[in-house]
Amino acid sequence: MSDLTIVTPPDTLLTNNPSFLLIYPNPLIKEQFQQLIIKFDIPFTLYMYEIYEDEEIEIEHDIDWLLNVCHIANFVILDLDNCPPIVKDLSSYIIANTNTFWLTNSTNTYYNKLSVNQIFDLDFLVSKVGDYIETKQLSKPQP
């Protein structure tokens, strides 16, 4: 089982561990992510961005944090169908990053023009994470 460090706004943790940012993931994506990290025996950093608004308490989105972590994380998973309007306003910018993989049930979307990284589940990430880990281990200086 992997060690998992979960980081939420406003915190940031800079490590050499593979890192993920999940933006408003649905329950199935959360479950698939859990199954993904079980396959590896290394520590991971998970940045989680899902701020649910409460009618009684005004909660502000930390957009600066979100945009910063989009560049820090090795893999960004954006679930467009669950995002509130303020995050959807930024979605084209987030999707245009090469480390972003995005999900939607919509069939008519212009995001395909910005990125071919549309996904339907996290199964593909097993090989991507494995390749990333292998590349990192090969680039370590040998004693």
C-alpha atoms as a PDB file:
ATOM      1  CA  MET A   1       0.000   0.000   0.000  1.00  0.00           C
ATOM      2  CA  SER A   2       1.258   3.447  -0.887  1.00  0.00           C
ATOM      3  CA  ASP A   3       1.640   6.339   1.492  1.00  0.00           C
ATOM      4  CA  LEU A   4      -0.722   9.114   0.509  1.00  0.00           C
ATOM      5  CA  THR A   5      -0.464  12.730   1.606  1.00  0.00           C
ATOM      6  CA  ILE A   6      -3.609  14.751   0.938  1.00  0.00           C
ATOM      7  CA  VAL A   7      -3.211  18.495   0.492  1.00  0.00           C
ATOM      8  CA  THR A   8      -6.061  21.008   0.254  1.00  0.00           C
ATOM      9  CA  PRO A   9      -6.180  24.791  -0.124  1.00  0.00           C
ATOM     10  CA  PRO A  10      -4.401  26.872   1.018  1.00  0.00           C
ATOM     11  CA  ASP A  11      -1.527  24.444   1.696  1.00  0.00           C
ATOM     12  CA  THR A  12       1.146  23.314  -0.736  1.00  0.00           C
ATOM     13  CA  LEU A  13       3.622  20.504  -0.343  1.00  0.00           C
ATOM     14  CA  LEU A  14       6.615  20.317  -2.634  1.00  0.00           C
ATOM     15  CA  THR A  15       8.078  16.811  -2.815  1.00  0.00           C
ATOM     16  CA  ASN A  16       9.688  14.521  -5.345  1.00  0.00           C
ATOM     17  CA  ASN A  17       6.753  12.128  -5.027  1.00  0.00           C
ATOM     18  CA  PRO A  18       4.396  11.693  -7.957  1.00  0.00           C
ATOM     19  CA  SER A  19       1.563  14.147  -7.425  1.00  0.00           C
ATOM     20  CA  PHE A  20      -2.032  14.381  -8.542  1.00  0.00           C
ATOM     21  CA  LEU A  21      -4.586  17.150  -8.486  1.00  0.00           C
ATOM     22  CA  LEU A  22      -8.200  16.003  -8.500  1.00  0.00           C
ATOM     23  CA  ILE A  23     -10.640  18.792  -9.309  1.00  0.00           C
ATOM     24  CA  TYR A  24     -14.217  18.037  -8.248  1.00  0.00           C
ATOM     25  CA  PRO A  25     -13.920  14.278  -8.794  1.00  0.00           C
ATOM     26  CA  ASN A  26     -17.116  12.251  -8.711  1.00  0.00           C
ATOM     27  CA  PRO A  27     -17.296   9.271  -6.319  1.00  0.00           C
ATOM     28  CA  LEU A  28     -16.366   6.793  -9.068  1.00  0.00           C
ATOM     29  CA  ILE A  29     -13.178   8.731  -9.891  1.00  0.00           C
ATOM     30  CA  LYS A  30     -12.263   8.800  -6.191  1.00  0.00           C
ATOM     31  CA  GLU A  31     -12.710   5.035  -6.011  1.00  0.00           C
ATOM     32  CA  GLN A  32     -10.677   4.489  -9.177  1.00  0.00           C
ATOM     33  CA  PHE A  33      -7.913   6.733  -7.826  1.00  0.00           C
ATOM     34  CA  GLN A  34      -7.779   4.676  -4.643  1.00  0.00           C
ATOM     35  CA  GLN A  35      -7.498   1.484  -6.701  1.00  0.00           C
ATOM     36  CA  LEU A  36      -4.745   3.093  -8.798  1.00  0.00           C
ATOM     37  CA  ILE A  37      -2.432   4.004  -5.932  1.00  0.00           C
ATOM     38  CA  ILE A  38      -2.801   0.558  -4.375  1.00  0.00           C
ATOM     39  CA  LYS A  39      -0.918  -0.836  -7.397  1.00  0.00           C
ATOM     40  CA  PHE A  40       2.236   1.087  -6.522  1.00  0.00           C
ATOM     41  CA  ASP A  41       4.422   0.847  -3.436  1.00  0.00           C
ATOM     42  CA  ILE A  42       5.643   4.443  -3.358  1.00  0.00           C
ATOM     43  CA  PRO A  43       4.426   7.616  -1.653  1.00  0.00           C
ATOM     44  CA  PHE A  44       2.043   9.928  -3.515  1.00  0.00           C
ATOM     45  CA  THR A  45       0.862  13.482  -2.979  1.00  0.00           C
ATOM     46  CA  LEU A  46      -2.798  14.180  -3.691  1.00  0.00           C
ATOM     47  CA  TYR A  47      -3.978  17.742  -4.062  1.00  0.00           C
ATOM     48  CA  MET A  48      -7.748  17.860  -3.741  1.00  0.00           C
ATOM     49  CA  TYR A  49      -9.870  20.761  -4.913  1.00  0.00           C
ATOM     50  CA  GLU A  50     -13.559  20.432  -4.166  1.00  0.00           C
ATOM     51  CA  ILE A  51     -15.096  23.289  -2.267  1.00  0.00           C
ATOM     52  CA  TYR A  52     -18.767  22.795  -1.670  1.00  0.00           C
ATOM     53  CA  GLU A  53     -20.698  25.916  -0.990  1.00  0.00           C
ATOM     54  CA  ASP A  54     -23.011  26.177   1.952  1.00  0.00           C
ATOM     55  CA  GLU A  55     -25.942  28.574   1.941  1.00  0.00           C
ATOM     56  CA  GLU A  56     -25.217  29.559   5.544  1.00  0.00           C
ATOM     57  CA  ILE A  57     -21.474  30.028   5.197  1.00  0.00           C
ATOM     58  CA  GLU A  58     -19.828  31.948   2.395  1.00  0.00           C
ATOM     59  CA  ILE A  59     -16.840  30.001   1.143  1.00  0.00           C
ATOM     60  CA  GLU A  60     -14.390  31.562  -1.248  1.00  0.00           C
ATOM     61  CA  HIS A  61     -12.652  29.595  -3.936  1.00  0.00           C
ATOM     62  CA  ASP A  62      -8.870  29.736  -3.855  1.00  0.00           C
ATOM     63  CA  ILE A  63      -8.321  30.212  -7.576  1.00  0.00           C
ATOM     64  CA  ASP A  64      -4.669  31.216  -7.140  1.00  0.00           C
ATOM     65  CA  TRP A  65      -4.013  27.948  -5.303  1.00  0.00           C
ATOM     66  CA  LEU A  66      -5.836  25.936  -7.963  1.00  0.00           C
ATOM     67  CA  LEU A  67      -3.919  27.473 -10.862  1.00  0.00           C
ATOM     68  CA  ASN A  68      -0.604  27.142  -9.034  1.00  0.00           C
ATOM     69  CA  VAL A  69      -1.157  23.468  -8.202  1.00  0.00           C
ATOM     70  CA  CYS A  70      -2.161  22.786 -11.826  1.00  0.00           C
ATOM     71  CA  HIS A  71       1.484  23.495 -12.628  1.00  0.00           C
ATOM     72  CA  ILE A  72       2.946  21.711  -9.588  1.00  0.00           C
ATOM     73  CA  ALA A  73       1.069  18.419  -9.954  1.00  0.00           C
ATOM     74  CA  ASN A  74       2.345  15.768 -12.329  1.00  0.00           C
ATOM     75  CA  PHE A  75      -1.181  14.683 -13.221  1.00  0.00           C
ATOM     76  CA  VAL A  76      -4.334  16.828 -13.123  1.00  0.00           C
ATOM     77  CA  ILE A  77      -7.748  15.165 -13.339  1.00  0.00           C
ATOM     78  CA  LEU A  78     -10.623  17.584 -14.030  1.00  0.00           C
ATOM     79  CA  ASP A  79     -14.215  16.369 -13.814  1.00  0.00           C
ATOM     80  CA  LEU A  80     -16.076  19.040 -15.789  1.00  0.00           C
ATOM     81  CA  ASP A  81     -19.522  17.711 -14.962  1.00  0.00           C
ATOM     82  CA  ASN A  82     -19.092  18.337 -11.230  1.00  0.00           C
ATOM     83  CA  CYS A  83     -17.395  21.738 -11.360  1.00  0.00           C
ATOM     84  CA  PRO A  84     -19.156  24.868 -10.174  1.00  0.00           C
ATOM     85  CA  PRO A  85     -19.374  27.822 -12.620  1.00  0.00           C
ATOM     86  CA  ILE A  86     -16.302  29.588 -11.208  1.00  0.00           C
ATOM     87  CA  VAL A  87     -14.097  26.569 -11.962  1.00  0.00           C
ATOM     88  CA  LYS A  88     -15.762  25.935 -15.331  1.00  0.00           C
ATOM     89  CA  ASP A  89     -14.766  29.488 -16.272  1.00  0.00           C
ATOM     90  CA  LEU A  90     -11.135  28.392 -15.872  1.00  0.00           C
ATOM     91  CA  SER A  91     -11.533  24.954 -17.406  1.00  0.00           C
ATOM     92  CA  SER A  92     -10.243  25.817 -20.880  1.00  0.00           C
ATOM     93  CA  TYR A  93      -7.028  27.166 -19.342  1.00  0.00           C
ATOM     94  CA  ILE A  94      -6.639  24.096 -17.118  1.00  0.00           C
ATOM     95  CA  ILE A  95      -7.402  21.667 -19.962  1.00  0.00           C
ATOM     96  CA  ALA A  96      -4.833  23.320 -22.232  1.00  0.00           C
ATOM     97  CA  ASN A  97      -2.044  22.158 -19.888  1.00  0.00           C
ATOM     98  CA  THR A  98      -0.388  18.967 -21.128  1.00  0.00           C
ATOM     99  CA  ASN A  99      -0.555  17.320 -17.683  1.00  0.00           C
ATOM    100  CA  THR A 100      -4.359  17.687 -17.499  1.00  0.00           C
ATOM    101  CA  PHE A 101      -6.747  14.833 -18.230  1.00  0.00           C
ATOM    102  CA  TRP A 102     -10.417  15.725 -18.303  1.00  0.00           C
ATOM    103  CA  LEU A 103     -13.761  13.974 -18.079  1.00  0.00           C
ATOM    104  CA  THR A 104     -17.229  14.951 -19.217  1.00  0.00           C
ATOM    105  CA  ASN A 105     -20.412  13.194 -20.246  1.00  0.00           C
ATOM    106  CA  SER A 106     -21.185  15.946 -22.732  1.00  0.00           C
ATOM    107  CA  THR A 107     -20.930  14.950 -26.381  1.00  0.00           C
ATOM    108  CA  ASN A 108     -20.756  18.484 -27.772  1.00  0.00           C
ATOM    109  CA  THR A 109     -17.635  20.023 -26.367  1.00  0.00           C
ATOM    110  CA  TYR A 110     -15.033  22.349 -27.789  1.00  0.00           C
ATOM    111  CA  TYR A 111     -12.461  21.128 -25.276  1.00  0.00           C
ATOM    112  CA  ASN A 112     -11.458  18.453 -27.798  1.00  0.00           C
ATOM    113  CA  LYS A 113      -9.871  21.271 -29.805  1.00  0.00           C
ATOM    114  CA  LEU A 114      -7.720  22.284 -26.818  1.00  0.00           C
ATOM    115  CA  SER A 115      -6.594  18.861 -25.682  1.00  0.00           C
ATOM    116  CA  VAL A 116      -6.811  15.260 -26.775  1.00  0.00           C
ATOM    117  CA  ASN A 117      -6.511  14.196 -23.118  1.00  0.00           C
ATOM    118  CA  GLN A 118     -10.199  13.450 -22.633  1.00  0.00           C
ATOM    119  CA  ILE A 119     -10.655  10.358 -20.494  1.00  0.00           C
ATOM    120  CA  PHE A 120     -13.599   8.274 -19.358  1.00  0.00           C
ATOM    121  CA  ASP A 121     -11.995   6.583 -16.347  1.00  0.00           C
ATOM    122  CA  LEU A 122      -8.604   6.352 -14.653  1.00  0.00           C
ATOM    123  CA  ASP A 123      -7.550   2.963 -16.026  1.00  0.00           C
ATOM    124  CA  PHE A 124      -5.112   4.594 -18.451  1.00  0.00           C
ATOM    125  CA  LEU A 125      -3.229   6.197 -15.561  1.00  0.00           C
ATOM    126  CA  VAL A 126      -1.660   2.922 -14.436  1.00  0.00           C
ATOM    127  CA  SER A 127       0.705   2.930 -17.410  1.00  0.00           C
ATOM    128  CA  LYS A 128       1.228   6.731 -17.289  1.00  0.00           C
ATOM    129  CA  VAL A 129       2.184   6.616 -13.600  1.00  0.00           C
ATOM    130  CA  GLY A 130       4.366   3.555 -14.171  1.00  0.00           C
ATOM    131  CA  ASP A 131       6.168   5.335 -17.019  1.00  0.00           C
ATOM    132  CA  TYR A 132       6.588   8.450 -14.870  1.00  0.00           C
ATOM    133  CA  ILE A 133       8.031   6.463 -11.956  1.00  0.00           C
ATOM    134  CA  GLU A 134      10.391   4.557 -14.247  1.00  0.00           C
ATOM    135  CA  THR A 135      11.614   7.791 -15.841  1.00  0.00           C
ATOM    136  CA  LYS A 136      12.198   9.358 -12.414  1.00  0.00           C
ATOM    137  CA  GLN A 137      14.162   6.317 -11.218  1.00  0.00           C
ATOM    138  CA  LEU A 138      16.307   6.280 -14.358  1.00  0.00           C
ATOM    139  CA  SER A 139      17.135   9.961 -13.947  1.00  0.00           C
ATOM    140  CA  LYS A 140      18.381   9.542 -10.353  1.00  0.00           C
ATOM    141  CA  PRO A 141      22.145   9.804  -9.988  1.00  0.00           C
ATOM    142  CA  GLN A 142      23.684   6.380  -9.499  1.00  0.00           C
ATOM    143  CA  PRO A 143      25.962   5.951  -6.447  1.00  0.00           C
END
